[in-house]
Amino acid sequence: MCNRKFRPRFESQRRSSKPFSLDRHREQPVSVETIMAMFLALVLIISVLGIVGTYLAFSAVYFVEMRKLDK
């Protein structure tokens, strides 16, 4: 009897997962402009992180060298 109670729940989960299948992506393909915009955003984020990281590294070296000169 317990198995019969749980079967409809699993079937409803299977039915709810069908709209998220690959058929949905075929109906709405991702445009080339969207891919290019995402790639450009990724490049900009990486470049900003690189610039900030370089600034922090050089400022850390600068302060360490200043401490050496003070002693």
C-alpha atoms as a PDB file:
ATOM      1  CA  MET A   1       0.000   0.000   0.000  1.00  0.00           C
ATOM      2  CA  CYS A   2       2.822   2.396   0.736  1.00  0.00           C
ATOM      3  CA  ASN A   3       4.228   1.980  -2.761  1.00  0.00           C
ATOM      4  CA  ARG A   4       0.922   3.028  -4.315  1.00  0.00           C
ATOM      5  CA  LYS A   5       0.915   6.224  -2.273  1.00  0.00           C
ATOM      6  CA  PHE A   6       4.387   7.226  -3.426  1.00  0.00           C
ATOM      7  CA  ARG A   7       3.953   6.370  -7.107  1.00  0.00           C
ATOM      8  CA  PRO A   8       1.803   9.404  -8.026  1.00  0.00           C
ATOM      9  CA  ARG A   9       4.322  11.703  -6.351  1.00  0.00           C
ATOM     10  CA  PHE A  10       7.152  10.324  -8.468  1.00  0.00           C
ATOM     11  CA  GLU A  11       5.036  10.500 -11.616  1.00  0.00           C
ATOM     12  CA  SER A  12       4.198  14.140 -10.913  1.00  0.00           C
ATOM     13  CA  GLN A  13       7.900  14.862 -10.455  1.00  0.00           C
ATOM     14  CA  ARG A  14       8.596  13.257 -13.822  1.00  0.00           C
ATOM     15  CA  ARG A  15       5.901  15.345 -15.466  1.00  0.00           C
ATOM     16  CA  SER A  16       7.181  18.560 -13.877  1.00  0.00           C
ATOM     17  CA  SER A  17      10.719  17.879 -15.109  1.00  0.00           C
ATOM     18  CA  LYS A  18       9.625  17.511 -18.741  1.00  0.00           C
ATOM     19  CA  PRO A  19       9.397  21.281 -19.505  1.00  0.00           C
ATOM     20  CA  PHE A  20      13.077  21.579 -18.527  1.00  0.00           C
ATOM     21  CA  SER A  21      14.211  19.074 -21.150  1.00  0.00           C
ATOM     22  CA  LEU A  22      16.355  19.874 -24.184  1.00  0.00           C
ATOM     23  CA  ASP A  23      13.268  20.600 -26.294  1.00  0.00           C
ATOM     24  CA  ARG A  24      12.844  23.899 -24.473  1.00  0.00           C
ATOM     25  CA  HIS A  25      16.306  25.046 -25.556  1.00  0.00           C
ATOM     26  CA  ARG A  26      15.554  24.221 -29.175  1.00  0.00           C
ATOM     27  CA  GLU A  27      12.567  26.552 -29.100  1.00  0.00           C
ATOM     28  CA  GLN A  28      14.594  29.473 -27.682  1.00  0.00           C
ATOM     29  CA  PRO A  29      18.189  29.312 -28.964  1.00  0.00           C
ATOM     30  CA  VAL A  30      20.793  31.553 -27.404  1.00  0.00           C
ATOM     31  CA  SER A  31      21.748  34.315 -29.793  1.00  0.00           C
ATOM     32  CA  VAL A  32      25.320  35.060 -30.781  1.00  0.00           C
ATOM     33  CA  GLU A  33      25.005  38.567 -29.333  1.00  0.00           C
ATOM     34  CA  THR A  34      24.161  37.127 -25.910  1.00  0.00           C
ATOM     35  CA  ILE A  35      27.187  34.823 -26.008  1.00  0.00           C
ATOM     36  CA  MET A  36      29.440  37.699 -27.072  1.00  0.00           C
ATOM     37  CA  ALA A  37      28.074  39.941 -24.318  1.00  0.00           C
ATOM     38  CA  MET A  38      28.651  37.266 -21.686  1.00  0.00           C
ATOM     39  CA  PHE A  39      32.181  36.674 -22.964  1.00  0.00           C
ATOM     40  CA  LEU A  40      32.924  40.410 -22.918  1.00  0.00           C
ATOM     41  CA  ALA A  41      31.586  40.698 -19.367  1.00  0.00           C
ATOM     42  CA  LEU A  42      33.789  37.778 -18.304  1.00  0.00           C
ATOM     43  CA  VAL A  43      36.863  39.373 -19.903  1.00  0.00           C
ATOM     44  CA  LEU A  44      36.120  42.711 -18.218  1.00  0.00           C
ATOM     45  CA  ILE A  45      35.673  41.084 -14.808  1.00  0.00           C
ATOM     46  CA  ILE A  46      38.940  39.154 -15.150  1.00  0.00           C
ATOM     47  CA  SER A  47      40.838  42.247 -16.290  1.00  0.00           C
ATOM     48  CA  VAL A  48      39.513  44.361 -13.409  1.00  0.00           C
ATOM     49  CA  LEU A  49      40.476  41.642 -10.932  1.00  0.00           C
ATOM     50  CA  GLY A  50      43.939  41.485 -12.492  1.00  0.00           C
ATOM     51  CA  ILE A  51      44.408  45.251 -12.236  1.00  0.00           C
ATOM     52  CA  VAL A  52      43.245  45.312  -8.602  1.00  0.00           C
ATOM     53  CA  GLY A  53      45.449  42.342  -7.739  1.00  0.00           C
ATOM     54  CA  THR A  54      48.480  43.938  -9.359  1.00  0.00           C
ATOM     55  CA  TYR A  55      47.861  47.191  -7.480  1.00  0.00           C
ATOM     56  CA  LEU A  56      47.572  45.344  -4.157  1.00  0.00           C
ATOM     57  CA  ALA A  57      50.745  43.358  -4.844  1.00  0.00           C
ATOM     58  CA  PHE A  58      52.810  46.421  -5.748  1.00  0.00           C
ATOM     59  CA  SER A  59      51.460  48.413  -2.803  1.00  0.00           C
ATOM     60  CA  ALA A  60      52.318  45.556  -0.443  1.00  0.00           C
ATOM     61  CA  VAL A  61      55.884  45.427  -1.804  1.00  0.00           C
ATOM     62  CA  TYR A  62      56.113  49.229  -1.515  1.00  0.00           C
ATOM     63  CA  PHE A  63      55.068  49.238   2.148  1.00  0.00           C
ATOM     64  CA  VAL A  64      57.432  46.375   2.978  1.00  0.00           C
ATOM     65  CA  GLU A  65      60.333  48.246   1.364  1.00  0.00           C
ATOM     66  CA  MET A  66      59.393  51.458   3.201  1.00  0.00           C
ATOM     67  CA  ARG A  67      59.509  49.598   6.519  1.00  0.00           C
ATOM     68  CA  LYS A  68      62.965  48.272   5.676  1.00  0.00           C
ATOM     69  CA  LEU A  69      64.197  51.817   4.975  1.00  0.00           C
ATOM     70  CA  ASP A  70      62.728  53.146   8.249  1.00  0.00           C
ATOM     71  CA  LYS A  71      64.735  50.637  10.278  1.00  0.00           C
END
